[in-house]
Amino acid sequence: MNMFDPDQLRTFLAVERAGGFTAAGRILGLRQSTVSGHIAKLEQAAGRALFRRDTRNLALTADGAAMVGFARSILDAQAHAERYFSESRLSGLIRLGASDDLMARELPDVLLEFQRSHPGVDLELTVGLSETLRTRLEAGELDLMVAKRRPGEQHGELLWRDRLVWAGRSGATGFTDPVPLVTYPPPSMTRQAALQALEREGRTWRIACVSDSQLGLRAAVLAGLGVIVHAESLLPAGLFAVADDRLPKLGDLEFVLLRRRSRLSEPERALCDAIEAGARREHASLPRRTG
């Protein structure tokens, strides 16, 4: 059997939708004779009649009804192939570091979109605490890193600024001394922010749970073991900012993109662009990149 011509398939689907050759020609910007010719050639290629014609009506035959599904599948596959081969054929390996809270909420969709657009680029992902990742970046073990920094620090490119909040399960309030803390291990920035704020207000605390994964921290908070300090926009599902004026203010935290080297490879530049675009979509009032 001959290959089915995409233009003929598009004409066939237009005729089926419009209910006639003339109407399909208006939609496609083709003469009726051209539409008729496309359908005739498609029927010749299929070896079957696709439409049942009389003076007043035009209806699909059983083979025509089957061709509708085939035509859509063929055209979809062709469009997918065109997108694949027209996309940038970047290739290489990028070693990306990301803080645990970002991987839970912010980055998965960005990385999925990037991998679909650049299937030739391999990502090697390391998830951990921001300070630990920064040490690995400086040691040359990572190429890029998306993580946190304290306000006033200058390393990295600012993506967005977030408010730190005390968070607990729904309805949690009334945390008296010693305040039960659910926290990452040192050198966690949110842990440090919590302890410094409590010390500043003369409050006492106890460490109720330590986990190096957000999954473990979330489970502990939902179990009622204590309260956690967390970036407000990235709160895990089921956790809410605690409305308790007795808990001290925590200030802000900044999320940044760091590069191991100033001169990026093409794949690294493409991933940086994807991360920055994702941040702009998700967070308002973000700074534009300069330089």
Protein backbone atom coordinates (compact mmCIF):
# COMPACT_ATOMS: atom_id res chain seq x y z
CA MET A 1 0.00 0.00 0.00
CA ASN A 2 1.23 3.50 -0.79
CA MET A 3 2.10 5.92 1.98
CA PHE A 4 -0.77 8.26 2.82
CA ASP A 5 -0.03 11.86 1.89
CA PRO A 6 -0.39 14.25 4.88
CA ASP A 7 -2.04 16.97 2.78
CA GLN A 8 -4.62 14.49 1.56
CA LEU A 9 -5.26 13.31 5.11
CA ARG A 10 -5.77 16.92 6.28
CA THR A 11 -8.20 17.49 3.43
CA PHE A 12 -10.04 14.28 4.29
CA LEU A 13 -10.46 15.33 7.93
CA ALA A 14 -11.63 18.80 6.86
CA VAL A 15 -14.28 17.27 4.58
CA GLU A 16 -15.41 14.97 7.39
CA ARG A 17 -15.70 17.89 9.84
CA ALA A 18 -17.29 20.35 7.40
CA GLY A 19 -19.68 17.84 5.86
CA GLY A 20 -18.86 18.69 2.27
CA PHE A 21 -16.18 19.40 -0.30
CA THR A 22 -17.08 23.06 -0.85
CA ALA A 23 -17.15 23.88 2.87
CA ALA A 24 -13.86 22.06 3.39
CA GLY A 25 -12.32 24.04 0.54
CA ARG A 26 -13.31 27.31 2.22
CA ILE A 27 -11.71 26.16 5.49
CA LEU A 28 -8.49 25.08 3.79
CA GLY A 29 -8.35 27.86 1.19
CA LEU A 30 -8.52 25.30 -1.65
CA ARG A 31 -10.67 25.02 -4.75
CA GLN A 32 -13.37 22.37 -4.69
CA SER A 33 -11.64 20.58 -7.55
CA THR A 34 -8.44 20.38 -5.49
CA VAL A 35 -10.36 18.97 -2.52
CA SER A 36 -12.02 16.39 -4.77
CA GLY A 37 -8.65 15.46 -6.21
CA HIS A 38 -7.13 14.95 -2.74
CA ILE A 39 -9.99 12.67 -1.70
CA ALA A 40 -9.80 10.68 -4.94
CA LYS A 41 -6.05 10.12 -4.53
CA LEU A 42 -6.50 9.13 -0.87
CA GLU A 43 -9.20 6.62 -1.80
CA GLN A 44 -6.93 5.28 -4.53
CA ALA A 45 -4.08 4.87 -2.01
CA ALA A 46 -6.40 3.14 0.47
CA GLY A 47 -8.03 1.01 -2.20
CA ARG A 48 -11.41 1.73 -0.56
CA ALA A 49 -14.22 4.24 -0.89
CA LEU A 50 -14.12 6.62 2.07
CA PHE A 51 -17.30 8.62 1.40
CA ARG A 52 -20.75 7.57 0.28
CA ARG A 53 -22.05 10.24 -2.08
CA ASP A 54 -25.48 11.09 -3.46
CA THR A 55 -26.98 14.33 -4.75
CA ARG A 56 -27.80 15.66 -1.28
CA ASN A 57 -25.69 13.90 1.32
CA LEU A 58 -22.08 13.03 1.97
CA ALA A 59 -21.44 10.34 4.57
CA LEU A 60 -18.48 8.26 5.68
CA THR A 61 -18.32 4.63 4.71
CA ALA A 62 -17.20 2.11 7.33
CA ASP A 63 -13.70 2.36 5.86
CA GLY A 64 -13.96 6.15 5.97
CA ALA A 65 -14.84 6.06 9.67
CA ALA A 66 -11.76 3.90 10.27
CA MET A 67 -9.63 6.32 8.24
CA VAL A 68 -10.59 9.21 10.56
CA GLY A 69 -8.73 7.53 13.43
CA PHE A 70 -5.79 6.54 11.25
CA ALA A 71 -5.51 10.03 9.75
CA ARG A 72 -5.41 11.69 13.17
CA SER A 73 -2.80 9.24 14.42
CA ILE A 74 -0.62 9.67 11.31
CA LEU A 75 -0.77 13.47 11.46
CA ASP A 76 -0.10 13.48 15.23
CA ALA A 77 2.92 11.22 14.73
CA GLN A 78 4.21 13.43 11.93
CA ALA A 79 3.84 16.57 14.06
CA HIS A 80 5.66 14.87 16.94
CA ALA A 81 8.48 13.83 14.62
CA GLU A 82 8.76 17.35 13.20
CA ARG A 83 8.96 18.83 16.72
CA TYR A 84 11.57 16.27 17.74
CA PHE A 85 13.86 16.87 14.77
CA SER A 86 13.39 20.64 14.70
CA GLU A 87 14.35 21.01 18.36
CA SER A 88 17.83 21.85 19.49
CA ARG A 89 20.01 18.76 19.36
CA LEU A 90 22.03 19.72 22.40
CA SER A 91 23.88 16.90 24.06
CA GLY A 92 26.09 16.41 27.07
CA LEU A 93 25.94 15.88 30.82
CA ILE A 94 24.84 18.44 33.41
CA ARG A 95 25.41 17.76 37.10
CA LEU A 96 22.65 19.67 38.87
CA GLY A 97 22.28 20.19 42.59
CA ALA A 98 18.93 21.16 44.12
CA SER A 99 17.74 21.68 47.66
CA ASP A 100 15.21 19.17 48.93
CA ASP A 101 12.29 21.59 49.24
CA LEU A 102 12.71 22.74 45.63
CA MET A 103 12.59 19.18 44.32
CA ALA A 104 9.36 18.59 46.23
CA ARG A 105 7.48 21.46 44.60
CA GLU A 106 9.29 23.75 42.17
CA LEU A 107 11.69 21.88 39.90
CA PRO A 108 10.11 18.60 38.68
CA ASP A 109 7.94 20.27 36.00
CA VAL A 110 10.85 22.46 34.85
CA LEU A 111 13.17 19.46 34.51
CA LEU A 112 10.51 17.38 32.74
CA GLU A 113 9.93 20.15 30.20
CA PHE A 114 13.69 20.58 29.72
CA GLN A 115 14.25 16.87 29.09
CA ARG A 116 11.42 16.77 26.56
CA SER A 117 12.91 19.74 24.70
CA HIS A 118 16.51 18.49 24.92
CA PRO A 119 16.43 14.67 24.98
CA GLY A 120 20.12 14.50 24.14
CA VAL A 121 21.14 16.16 27.42
CA ASP A 122 21.68 13.85 30.41
CA LEU A 123 20.90 15.24 33.86
CA GLU A 124 22.66 13.94 36.95
CA LEU A 125 20.68 15.26 39.92
CA THR A 126 21.94 15.61 43.49
CA VAL A 127 19.41 16.63 46.17
CA GLY A 128 20.56 17.91 49.53
CA LEU A 129 21.05 20.84 51.88
CA SER A 130 22.02 24.14 50.27
CA GLU A 131 25.29 24.55 52.20
CA THR A 132 26.34 20.97 51.41
CA LEU A 133 25.55 21.45 47.73
CA ARG A 134 27.50 24.70 47.60
CA THR A 135 30.56 22.93 48.99
CA ARG A 136 30.24 20.29 46.25
CA LEU A 137 29.81 22.97 43.59
CA GLU A 138 32.98 24.73 44.73
CA ALA A 139 34.80 21.38 44.69
CA GLY A 140 33.84 20.91 41.03
CA GLU A 141 31.43 18.06 41.70
CA LEU A 142 28.38 19.97 40.39
CA ASP A 143 27.90 22.21 37.34
CA LEU A 144 24.77 24.10 38.42
CA MET A 145 22.88 24.45 41.66
CA VAL A 146 19.44 25.78 42.62
CA ALA A 147 19.22 26.38 46.34
CA LYS A 148 18.88 28.93 49.14
CA ARG A 149 20.96 31.75 50.56
CA ARG A 150 20.50 34.12 53.48
CA PRO A 151 19.49 37.73 52.79
CA GLY A 152 22.60 39.85 52.40
CA GLU A 153 24.67 37.06 50.84
CA GLN A 154 25.84 37.77 47.30
CA HIS A 155 26.63 34.39 45.78
CA GLY A 156 24.43 33.18 42.96
CA GLU A 157 21.73 34.81 40.83
CA LEU A 158 18.54 35.70 42.70
CA LEU A 159 15.48 33.85 41.38
CA TRP A 160 12.96 34.89 44.04
CA ARG A 161 12.69 35.93 47.67
CA ASP A 162 10.40 34.01 50.03
CA ARG A 163 9.02 34.62 53.50
CA LEU A 164 9.92 32.10 56.18
CA VAL A 165 7.01 30.90 58.32
CA TRP A 166 6.40 28.56 61.21
CA ALA A 167 4.29 25.74 59.82
CA GLY A 168 2.27 22.93 61.32
CA ARG A 169 -0.67 20.71 60.53
CA SER A 170 -4.11 22.26 60.12
CA GLY A 171 -5.24 24.10 63.25
CA ALA A 172 -1.84 23.88 64.97
CA THR A 173 -1.27 26.71 67.47
CA GLY A 174 -0.17 27.38 71.04
CA PHE A 175 3.44 26.21 70.91
CA THR A 176 4.72 26.88 74.42
CA ASP A 177 8.27 26.44 75.68
CA PRO A 178 10.11 24.36 74.94
CA VAL A 179 9.01 24.81 71.32
CA PRO A 180 9.10 21.38 69.59
CA LEU A 181 11.11 21.71 66.39
CA VAL A 182 10.97 19.48 63.32
CA THR A 183 14.04 20.26 61.29
CA TYR A 184 16.72 19.31 58.80
CA PRO A 185 20.13 18.50 60.31
CA PRO A 186 22.93 21.09 60.34
CA PRO A 187 23.98 23.04 58.30
CA SER A 188 20.33 23.70 57.37
CA MET A 189 19.52 27.39 56.86
CA THR A 190 15.94 27.01 58.07
CA ARG A 191 17.17 25.24 61.19
CA GLN A 192 19.60 28.07 61.83
CA ALA A 193 16.88 30.68 61.23
CA ALA A 194 14.58 28.94 63.73
CA LEU A 195 17.20 28.68 66.48
CA GLN A 196 18.42 32.25 66.04
CA ALA A 197 14.86 33.63 66.18
CA LEU A 198 14.04 31.65 69.33
CA GLU A 199 17.30 32.69 71.00
CA ARG A 200 16.63 36.34 70.13
CA GLU A 201 13.26 36.18 71.90
CA GLY A 202 14.60 34.24 74.86
CA ARG A 203 12.54 31.17 74.00
CA THR A 204 13.57 27.58 74.70
CA TRP A 205 13.13 24.64 72.35
CA ARG A 206 13.64 20.95 71.90
CA ILE A 207 14.43 19.03 68.70
CA ALA A 208 11.43 16.75 68.20
CA CYS A 209 12.50 15.30 64.82
CA VAL A 210 15.48 15.53 62.49
CA SER A 211 15.28 14.31 58.90
CA ASP A 212 17.33 15.00 55.80
CA SER A 213 14.25 14.64 53.57
CA GLN A 214 11.17 16.79 53.29
CA LEU A 215 9.06 13.63 53.19
CA GLY A 216 10.22 12.72 56.69
CA LEU A 217 9.77 16.26 57.99
CA ARG A 218 6.25 16.50 56.59
CA ALA A 219 5.28 13.17 58.14
CA ALA A 220 6.58 14.31 61.54
CA VAL A 221 4.64 17.58 61.42
CA LEU A 222 1.45 15.85 60.28
CA ALA A 223 1.89 13.44 63.19
CA GLY A 224 1.82 16.41 65.54
CA LEU A 225 5.43 16.08 66.71
CA GLY A 226 6.19 19.75 66.31
CA VAL A 227 6.51 22.84 64.16
CA ILE A 228 8.79 23.45 61.18
CA VAL A 229 10.34 26.58 59.66
CA HIS A 230 9.77 26.65 55.91
CA ALA A 231 9.60 28.91 52.86
CA GLU A 232 5.97 29.95 52.59
CA SER A 233 5.48 29.40 48.84
CA LEU A 234 6.94 25.88 49.03
CA LEU A 235 4.98 24.52 52.00
CA PRO A 236 4.37 20.78 51.61
CA ALA A 237 0.81 19.58 51.13
CA GLY A 238 -1.14 19.48 54.37
CA LEU A 239 1.07 22.01 56.20
CA PHE A 240 -0.06 25.54 57.00
CA ALA A 241 1.47 28.71 58.41
CA VAL A 242 0.89 28.78 62.17
CA ALA A 243 -1.15 31.75 63.40
CA ASP A 244 0.60 32.26 66.74
CA ASP A 245 1.96 35.74 67.56
CA ARG A 246 4.07 34.26 70.37
CA LEU A 247 6.38 32.65 67.82
CA PRO A 248 9.13 35.07 66.69
CA LYS A 249 9.36 36.60 63.23
CA LEU A 250 11.73 34.75 60.92
CA GLY A 251 12.45 37.08 58.02
CA ASP A 252 13.09 36.01 54.44
CA LEU A 253 15.14 33.51 52.50
CA GLU A 254 16.38 33.84 48.93
CA PHE A 255 16.40 31.18 46.21
CA VAL A 256 19.31 31.40 43.82
CA LEU A 257 20.92 29.80 40.79
CA LEU A 258 24.68 29.15 41.02
CA ARG A 259 27.07 28.18 38.27
CA ARG A 260 30.41 26.43 38.65
CA ARG A 261 31.94 28.47 35.85
CA SER A 262 31.17 31.82 34.26
CA ARG A 263 31.38 30.51 30.69
CA LEU A 264 28.51 28.05 30.30
CA SER A 265 28.19 25.25 27.80
CA GLU A 266 25.15 25.39 25.49
CA PRO A 267 23.28 22.70 27.49
CA GLU A 268 24.02 24.53 30.76
CA ARG A 269 22.79 27.82 29.32
CA ALA A 270 19.59 26.13 28.10
CA LEU A 271 18.93 24.65 31.55
CA CYS A 272 19.59 28.00 33.26
CA ASP A 273 17.10 29.64 30.90
CA ALA A 274 14.52 26.94 31.68
CA ILE A 275 14.98 27.33 35.45
CA GLU A 276 14.71 31.12 35.25
CA ALA A 277 11.59 30.92 33.06
CA GLY A 278 10.00 28.47 35.49
CA ALA A 279 10.74 30.80 38.40
CA ARG A 280 9.16 33.74 36.58
CA ARG A 281 6.03 31.70 35.88
CA GLU A 282 5.61 30.65 39.50
CA HIS A 283 6.64 33.76 41.42
CA ALA A 284 5.59 37.38 41.02
CA SER A 285 7.89 40.40 40.96
CA LEU A 286 11.00 38.48 40.01
CA PRO A 287 14.16 40.30 38.96
CA ARG A 288 15.18 40.13 35.34
CA ARG A 289 18.59 38.70 34.53
CA THR A 290 21.28 41.27 33.83
CA GLY A 291 24.40 40.24 31.99
